[in-house]
Amino acid sequence: MYKLLIKKTLILLFTTLLLSACGNNHPKLTSYKAFDERFTTVIDTQDPLELEKIGDLFYDRQEATGVEANLDFVYLIDVTTAEGSHRWRCTKTGYCQERTEGAAPNREIWFLEQYRELYTLSKLN
């Protein structure tokens, strides 16, 4: 009975450690700026607490498949990480596409799973 209890405890401990290692592994934001449809800056932050929450929302996304090519991109979002800056253009319905300076646009379109929360925090609504 005692050995069974130790075995179950070790399995539970191992599982807990394994799952805790699977946390958010997205790039850490150092700056975030969002522009509305009038190209007005609605948020420009470097606050670590805000950036952590914004990063969790922004990187909770899935690659969109079967999306129509004529999406109405109205918002611009600039994210800066240790690796560099990236500009995204986004729709009001949570679809985003990364833009690269001086090159053709990246054709991958992503759907932000929590876009409503991100847009509210970014003052885009």
N, C-alpha and C. Protein backbone atom coordinates (compact mmCIF):
# COMPACT_ATOMS: atom_id res chain seq x y z
N MET A 1 0.82 -1.19 0.00
CA MET A 1 0.00 0.00 0.00
C MET A 1 0.87 1.26 0.00
N TYR A 2 1.92 1.26 0.82
CA TYR A 2 2.82 2.40 0.92
C TYR A 2 3.56 2.61 -0.40
N LYS A 3 4.00 1.52 -1.05
CA LYS A 3 4.70 1.62 -2.33
C LYS A 3 3.78 2.17 -3.41
N LEU A 4 2.53 1.77 -3.37
CA LEU A 4 1.56 2.26 -4.35
C LEU A 4 1.34 3.76 -4.19
N LEU A 5 1.27 4.22 -2.95
CA LEU A 5 1.10 5.64 -2.67
C LEU A 5 2.30 6.45 -3.17
N ILE A 6 3.50 5.94 -2.94
CA ILE A 6 4.72 6.61 -3.41
C ILE A 6 4.74 6.64 -4.93
N LYS A 7 4.37 5.54 -5.56
CA LYS A 7 4.37 5.46 -7.02
C LYS A 7 3.38 6.48 -7.61
N LYS A 8 2.18 6.55 -7.06
CA LYS A 8 1.18 7.50 -7.56
C LYS A 8 1.62 8.94 -7.33
N THR A 9 2.25 9.19 -6.19
CA THR A 9 2.74 10.54 -5.89
C THR A 9 3.83 10.94 -6.88
N LEU A 10 4.74 10.04 -7.18
CA LEU A 10 5.81 10.33 -8.14
C LEU A 10 5.25 10.57 -9.54
N ILE A 11 4.27 9.79 -9.94
CA ILE A 11 3.65 9.98 -11.25
C ILE A 11 2.96 11.34 -11.31
N LEU A 12 2.25 11.69 -10.26
CA LEU A 12 1.57 12.98 -10.21
C LEU A 12 2.58 14.13 -10.24
N LEU A 13 3.66 14.01 -9.50
CA LEU A 13 4.71 15.03 -9.48
C LEU A 13 5.36 15.18 -10.85
N PHE A 14 5.68 14.06 -11.49
CA PHE A 14 6.28 14.09 -12.82
C PHE A 14 5.34 14.75 -13.84
N THR A 15 4.07 14.38 -13.79
CA THR A 15 3.08 14.95 -14.71
C THR A 15 2.95 16.46 -14.50
N THR A 16 2.92 16.88 -13.25
CA THR A 16 2.83 18.31 -12.94
C THR A 16 4.03 19.07 -13.48
N LEU A 17 5.22 18.54 -13.29
CA LEU A 17 6.43 19.19 -13.80
C LEU A 17 6.43 19.24 -15.32
N LEU A 18 6.00 18.17 -15.94
CA LEU A 18 5.95 18.12 -17.40
C LEU A 18 4.98 19.16 -17.95
N LEU A 19 3.80 19.24 -17.36
CA LEU A 19 2.81 20.21 -17.83
C LEU A 19 3.22 21.65 -17.55
N SER A 20 3.89 21.89 -16.45
CA SER A 20 4.32 23.26 -16.16
C SER A 20 5.41 23.72 -17.12
N ALA A 21 6.16 22.79 -17.67
CA ALA A 21 7.19 23.14 -18.65
C ALA A 21 6.58 23.47 -20.01
N CYS A 22 5.32 23.15 -20.21
CA CYS A 22 4.65 23.40 -21.48
C CYS A 22 3.92 24.74 -21.50
N GLY A 23 4.34 25.67 -20.72
CA GLY A 23 3.68 26.97 -20.64
C GLY A 23 3.91 27.80 -21.89
N ASN A 24 3.61 29.08 -21.80
CA ASN A 24 3.76 29.98 -22.93
C ASN A 24 5.23 30.06 -23.34
N ASN A 25 5.49 29.76 -24.59
CA ASN A 25 6.86 29.83 -25.07
C ASN A 25 6.97 30.78 -26.26
N HIS A 26 6.09 31.76 -26.30
CA HIS A 26 6.14 32.74 -27.38
C HIS A 26 7.22 33.77 -27.07
N PRO A 27 7.67 34.50 -28.10
CA PRO A 27 8.67 35.53 -27.86
C PRO A 27 8.17 36.58 -26.87
N LYS A 28 9.07 37.08 -26.06
CA LYS A 28 8.73 38.10 -25.07
C LYS A 28 8.72 39.47 -25.76
N LEU A 29 7.61 40.17 -25.64
CA LEU A 29 7.49 41.50 -26.25
C LEU A 29 8.28 42.52 -25.45
N THR A 30 8.94 43.43 -26.17
CA THR A 30 9.62 44.56 -25.52
C THR A 30 8.90 45.87 -25.81
N SER A 31 8.06 45.87 -26.84
CA SER A 31 7.27 47.05 -27.19
C SER A 31 6.06 46.60 -28.00
N TYR A 32 4.97 47.35 -27.86
CA TYR A 32 3.74 47.05 -28.59
C TYR A 32 3.06 48.36 -28.94
N LYS A 33 2.66 48.47 -30.20
CA LYS A 33 1.98 49.68 -30.66
C LYS A 33 0.86 49.25 -31.60
N ALA A 34 -0.32 49.85 -31.45
CA ALA A 34 -1.45 49.54 -32.32
C ALA A 34 -2.03 50.82 -32.90
N PHE A 35 -2.46 50.73 -34.16
CA PHE A 35 -3.04 51.85 -34.89
C PHE A 35 -4.44 51.46 -35.35
N ASP A 36 -5.39 52.36 -35.20
CA ASP A 36 -6.76 52.06 -35.64
C ASP A 36 -6.91 52.32 -37.14
N GLU A 37 -8.15 52.25 -37.63
CA GLU A 37 -8.40 52.39 -39.07
C GLU A 37 -8.07 53.78 -39.60
N ARG A 38 -7.94 54.76 -38.72
CA ARG A 38 -7.55 56.12 -39.13
C ARG A 38 -6.04 56.33 -38.97
N PHE A 39 -5.32 55.27 -38.70
CA PHE A 39 -3.87 55.29 -38.46
C PHE A 39 -3.50 56.14 -37.26
N THR A 40 -4.40 56.22 -36.30
CA THR A 40 -4.14 56.91 -35.04
C THR A 40 -3.56 55.90 -34.06
N THR A 41 -2.47 56.26 -33.40
CA THR A 41 -1.90 55.38 -32.39
C THR A 41 -2.85 55.31 -31.21
N VAL A 42 -3.34 54.10 -30.90
CA VAL A 42 -4.28 53.95 -29.80
C VAL A 42 -3.62 53.36 -28.56
N ILE A 43 -2.49 52.70 -28.74
CA ILE A 43 -1.70 52.21 -27.61
C ILE A 43 -0.24 52.14 -28.05
N ASP A 44 0.63 52.54 -27.16
CA ASP A 44 2.08 52.48 -27.37
C ASP A 44 2.68 52.20 -26.00
N THR A 45 3.03 50.94 -25.76
CA THR A 45 3.46 50.58 -24.41
C THR A 45 4.76 49.78 -24.41
N GLN A 46 5.47 49.96 -23.32
CA GLN A 46 6.66 49.16 -23.02
C GLN A 46 6.57 48.63 -21.60
N ASP A 47 5.39 48.73 -21.01
CA ASP A 47 5.16 48.26 -19.64
C ASP A 47 5.20 46.73 -19.61
N PRO A 48 6.12 46.14 -18.84
CA PRO A 48 6.28 44.68 -18.83
C PRO A 48 5.01 43.90 -18.47
N LEU A 49 4.21 44.42 -17.56
CA LEU A 49 2.98 43.72 -17.18
C LEU A 49 1.96 43.72 -18.32
N GLU A 50 1.81 44.87 -18.98
CA GLU A 50 0.91 44.95 -20.13
C GLU A 50 1.42 44.08 -21.27
N LEU A 51 2.73 44.13 -21.51
CA LEU A 51 3.31 43.37 -22.62
C LEU A 51 3.15 41.87 -22.42
N GLU A 52 3.23 41.42 -21.19
CA GLU A 52 3.05 39.99 -20.92
C GLU A 52 1.64 39.55 -21.29
N LYS A 53 0.64 40.31 -20.86
CA LYS A 53 -0.75 39.99 -21.17
C LYS A 53 -1.02 40.10 -22.67
N ILE A 54 -0.53 41.17 -23.28
CA ILE A 54 -0.71 41.38 -24.72
C ILE A 54 -0.05 40.25 -25.51
N GLY A 55 1.16 39.87 -25.11
CA GLY A 55 1.86 38.78 -25.79
C GLY A 55 1.08 37.47 -25.71
N ASP A 56 0.53 37.17 -24.53
CA ASP A 56 -0.27 35.95 -24.38
C ASP A 56 -1.47 35.97 -25.34
N LEU A 57 -2.12 37.11 -25.46
CA LEU A 57 -3.28 37.22 -26.34
C LEU A 57 -2.87 37.20 -27.82
N PHE A 58 -1.82 37.94 -28.16
CA PHE A 58 -1.40 38.06 -29.56
C PHE A 58 -0.88 36.73 -30.12
N TYR A 59 -0.12 36.00 -29.32
CA TYR A 59 0.47 34.76 -29.82
C TYR A 59 -0.45 33.55 -29.65
N ASP A 60 -1.65 33.74 -29.13
CA ASP A 60 -2.65 32.68 -29.09
C ASP A 60 -3.38 32.71 -30.42
N ARG A 61 -2.77 32.09 -31.43
CA ARG A 61 -3.30 32.17 -32.79
C ARG A 61 -3.09 30.86 -33.53
N GLN A 62 -3.85 30.71 -34.59
CA GLN A 62 -3.77 29.54 -35.44
C GLN A 62 -3.65 30.00 -36.89
N GLU A 63 -2.91 29.24 -37.68
CA GLU A 63 -2.83 29.58 -39.09
C GLU A 63 -4.20 29.36 -39.72
N ALA A 64 -4.68 30.36 -40.44
CA ALA A 64 -6.00 30.29 -41.05
C ALA A 64 -5.89 29.63 -42.41
N THR A 65 -6.76 28.69 -42.66
CA THR A 65 -6.80 28.02 -43.96
C THR A 65 -8.17 28.27 -44.58
N GLY A 66 -8.20 28.38 -45.88
CA GLY A 66 -9.46 28.59 -46.58
C GLY A 66 -10.04 29.97 -46.38
N VAL A 67 -9.19 30.94 -46.06
CA VAL A 67 -9.65 32.31 -45.84
C VAL A 67 -9.65 33.03 -47.18
N GLU A 68 -10.67 33.83 -47.39
CA GLU A 68 -10.77 34.57 -48.64
C GLU A 68 -9.62 35.56 -48.78
N ALA A 69 -9.19 35.78 -50.00
CA ALA A 69 -8.03 36.63 -50.25
C ALA A 69 -8.32 38.12 -50.08
N ASN A 70 -9.58 38.50 -50.06
CA ASN A 70 -9.90 39.94 -50.00
C ASN A 70 -10.36 40.36 -48.61
N LEU A 71 -9.60 40.00 -47.60
CA LEU A 71 -9.91 40.42 -46.24
C LEU A 71 -9.69 41.93 -46.11
N ASP A 72 -10.48 42.56 -45.28
CA ASP A 72 -10.39 44.01 -45.08
C ASP A 72 -9.49 44.30 -43.88
N PHE A 73 -8.20 44.46 -44.15
CA PHE A 73 -7.24 44.76 -43.09
C PHE A 73 -7.33 46.25 -42.76
N VAL A 74 -7.71 46.57 -41.52
CA VAL A 74 -7.89 47.97 -41.14
C VAL A 74 -6.98 48.41 -40.00
N TYR A 75 -6.45 47.46 -39.23
CA TYR A 75 -5.60 47.81 -38.10
C TYR A 75 -4.15 47.47 -38.41
N LEU A 76 -3.24 48.23 -37.81
CA LEU A 76 -1.81 47.92 -37.87
C LEU A 76 -1.33 47.68 -36.45
N ILE A 77 -0.53 46.64 -36.28
CA ILE A 77 0.04 46.31 -34.98
C ILE A 77 1.53 46.13 -35.15
N ASP A 78 2.31 46.88 -34.36
CA ASP A 78 3.76 46.74 -34.35
C ASP A 78 4.16 46.04 -33.06
N VAL A 79 4.86 44.91 -33.21
CA VAL A 79 5.38 44.20 -32.04
C VAL A 79 6.90 44.16 -32.14
N THR A 80 7.55 44.39 -31.02
CA THR A 80 9.00 44.33 -30.97
C THR A 80 9.40 43.30 -29.93
N THR A 81 10.32 42.42 -30.34
CA THR A 81 10.89 41.42 -29.45
C THR A 81 12.40 41.58 -29.49
N ALA A 82 13.10 40.74 -28.76
CA ALA A 82 14.57 40.78 -28.79
C ALA A 82 15.10 40.48 -30.19
N GLU A 83 14.33 39.74 -30.99
CA GLU A 83 14.75 39.39 -32.34
C GLU A 83 14.54 40.51 -33.35
N GLY A 84 13.70 41.49 -33.01
CA GLY A 84 13.44 42.59 -33.93
C GLY A 84 11.98 43.01 -33.93
N SER A 85 11.65 43.91 -34.87
CA SER A 85 10.30 44.45 -34.96
C SER A 85 9.54 43.79 -36.10
N HIS A 86 8.23 43.68 -35.89
CA HIS A 86 7.36 43.09 -36.90
C HIS A 86 6.09 43.92 -36.98
N ARG A 87 5.63 44.16 -38.19
CA ARG A 87 4.37 44.89 -38.38
C ARG A 87 3.34 43.91 -38.92
N TRP A 88 2.17 43.96 -38.31
CA TRP A 88 1.06 43.11 -38.71
C TRP A 88 -0.10 43.99 -39.14
N ARG A 89 -0.84 43.55 -40.12
CA ARG A 89 -2.09 44.20 -40.47
C ARG A 89 -3.20 43.22 -40.12
N CYS A 90 -4.26 43.75 -39.52
CA CYS A 90 -5.31 42.88 -38.97
C CYS A 90 -6.69 43.36 -39.37
N THR A 91 -7.61 42.42 -39.42
CA THR A 91 -9.02 42.73 -39.69
C THR A 91 -9.74 42.94 -38.37
N LYS A 92 -10.96 43.46 -38.44
CA LYS A 92 -11.77 43.63 -37.24
C LYS A 92 -12.24 42.30 -36.69
N THR A 93 -12.13 41.25 -37.49
CA THR A 93 -12.60 39.92 -37.07
C THR A 93 -11.46 39.00 -36.63
N GLY A 94 -10.26 39.55 -36.43
CA GLY A 94 -9.19 38.78 -35.83
C GLY A 94 -8.22 38.08 -36.76
N TYR A 95 -8.29 38.35 -38.06
CA TYR A 95 -7.32 37.77 -38.99
C TYR A 95 -6.16 38.74 -39.16
N CYS A 96 -4.93 38.21 -39.11
CA CYS A 96 -3.75 39.07 -39.22
C CYS A 96 -2.76 38.48 -40.21
N GLN A 97 -1.99 39.38 -40.81
CA GLN A 97 -0.97 39.00 -41.77
C GLN A 97 0.26 39.86 -41.50
N GLU A 98 1.42 39.21 -41.41
CA GLU A 98 2.66 39.95 -41.15
C GLU A 98 3.11 40.66 -42.42
N ARG A 99 3.59 41.87 -42.24
CA ARG A 99 4.15 42.65 -43.35
C ARG A 99 5.66 42.73 -43.16
N THR A 100 6.39 42.67 -44.25
CA THR A 100 7.84 42.83 -44.17
C THR A 100 8.24 44.02 -45.03
N GLU A 101 9.09 44.84 -44.47
CA GLU A 101 9.51 46.07 -45.13
C GLU A 101 10.34 45.75 -46.36
N GLY A 102 10.01 46.40 -47.47
CA GLY A 102 10.79 46.28 -48.69
C GLY A 102 10.65 44.96 -49.41
N ALA A 103 9.66 44.18 -49.06
CA ALA A 103 9.48 42.89 -49.72
C ALA A 103 7.99 42.64 -49.92
N ALA A 104 7.70 41.63 -50.69
CA ALA A 104 6.30 41.24 -50.89
C ALA A 104 5.72 40.78 -49.55
N PRO A 105 4.45 41.01 -49.35
CA PRO A 105 3.85 40.61 -48.07
C PRO A 105 3.87 39.10 -47.87
N ASN A 106 4.02 38.72 -46.64
CA ASN A 106 3.93 37.32 -46.28
C ASN A 106 2.48 36.89 -46.50
N ARG A 107 2.25 35.80 -47.16
CA ARG A 107 0.90 35.39 -47.51
C ARG A 107 0.21 34.58 -46.42
N GLU A 108 0.93 34.16 -45.39
CA GLU A 108 0.29 33.40 -44.32
C GLU A 108 -0.65 34.31 -43.55
N ILE A 109 -1.85 33.84 -43.32
CA ILE A 109 -2.83 34.59 -42.55
C ILE A 109 -3.12 33.81 -41.28
N TRP A 110 -3.13 34.52 -40.17
CA TRP A 110 -3.33 33.92 -38.86
C TRP A 110 -4.64 34.41 -38.26
N PHE A 111 -5.28 33.55 -37.48
CA PHE A 111 -6.48 33.95 -36.76
C PHE A 111 -6.13 34.04 -35.28
N LEU A 112 -6.37 35.21 -34.70
CA LEU A 112 -6.12 35.43 -33.27
C LEU A 112 -7.29 34.85 -32.48
N GLU A 113 -7.01 33.83 -31.69
CA GLU A 113 -8.07 33.15 -30.94
C GLU A 113 -8.77 34.07 -29.95
N GLN A 114 -8.04 35.02 -29.38
CA GLN A 114 -8.61 35.92 -28.38
C GLN A 114 -8.56 37.37 -28.87
N TYR A 115 -8.94 37.57 -30.12
CA TYR A 115 -8.81 38.91 -30.71
C TYR A 115 -9.68 39.95 -30.00
N ARG A 116 -10.85 39.55 -29.53
CA ARG A 116 -11.72 40.53 -28.85
C ARG A 116 -11.03 41.10 -27.60
N GLU A 117 -10.42 40.20 -26.83
CA GLU A 117 -9.72 40.64 -25.63
C GLU A 117 -8.52 41.50 -25.98
N LEU A 118 -7.76 41.08 -27.01
CA LEU A 118 -6.59 41.85 -27.45
C LEU A 118 -7.01 43.23 -27.95
N TYR A 119 -8.05 43.28 -28.77
CA TYR A 119 -8.51 44.56 -29.31
C TYR A 119 -9.04 45.47 -28.21
N THR A 120 -9.71 44.90 -27.22
CA THR A 120 -10.20 45.72 -26.10
C THR A 120 -9.03 46.29 -25.32
N LEU A 121 -8.05 45.44 -25.01
CA LEU A 121 -6.86 45.89 -24.29
C LEU A 121 -6.08 46.93 -25.10
N SER A 122 -6.10 46.77 -26.43
CA SER A 122 -5.38 47.68 -27.33
C SER A 122 -6.18 48.92 -27.70
N LYS A 123 -7.40 49.01 -27.20
CA LYS A 123 -8.29 50.15 -27.48
C LYS A 123 -8.62 50.26 -28.96
N LEU A 124 -8.78 49.12 -29.62
CA LEU A 124 -9.13 49.10 -31.04
C LEU A 124 -10.62 48.95 -31.27
N ASN A 125 -11.40 48.80 -30.24
CA ASN A 125 -12.86 48.67 -30.40
C ASN A 125 -13.53 50.00 -30.27
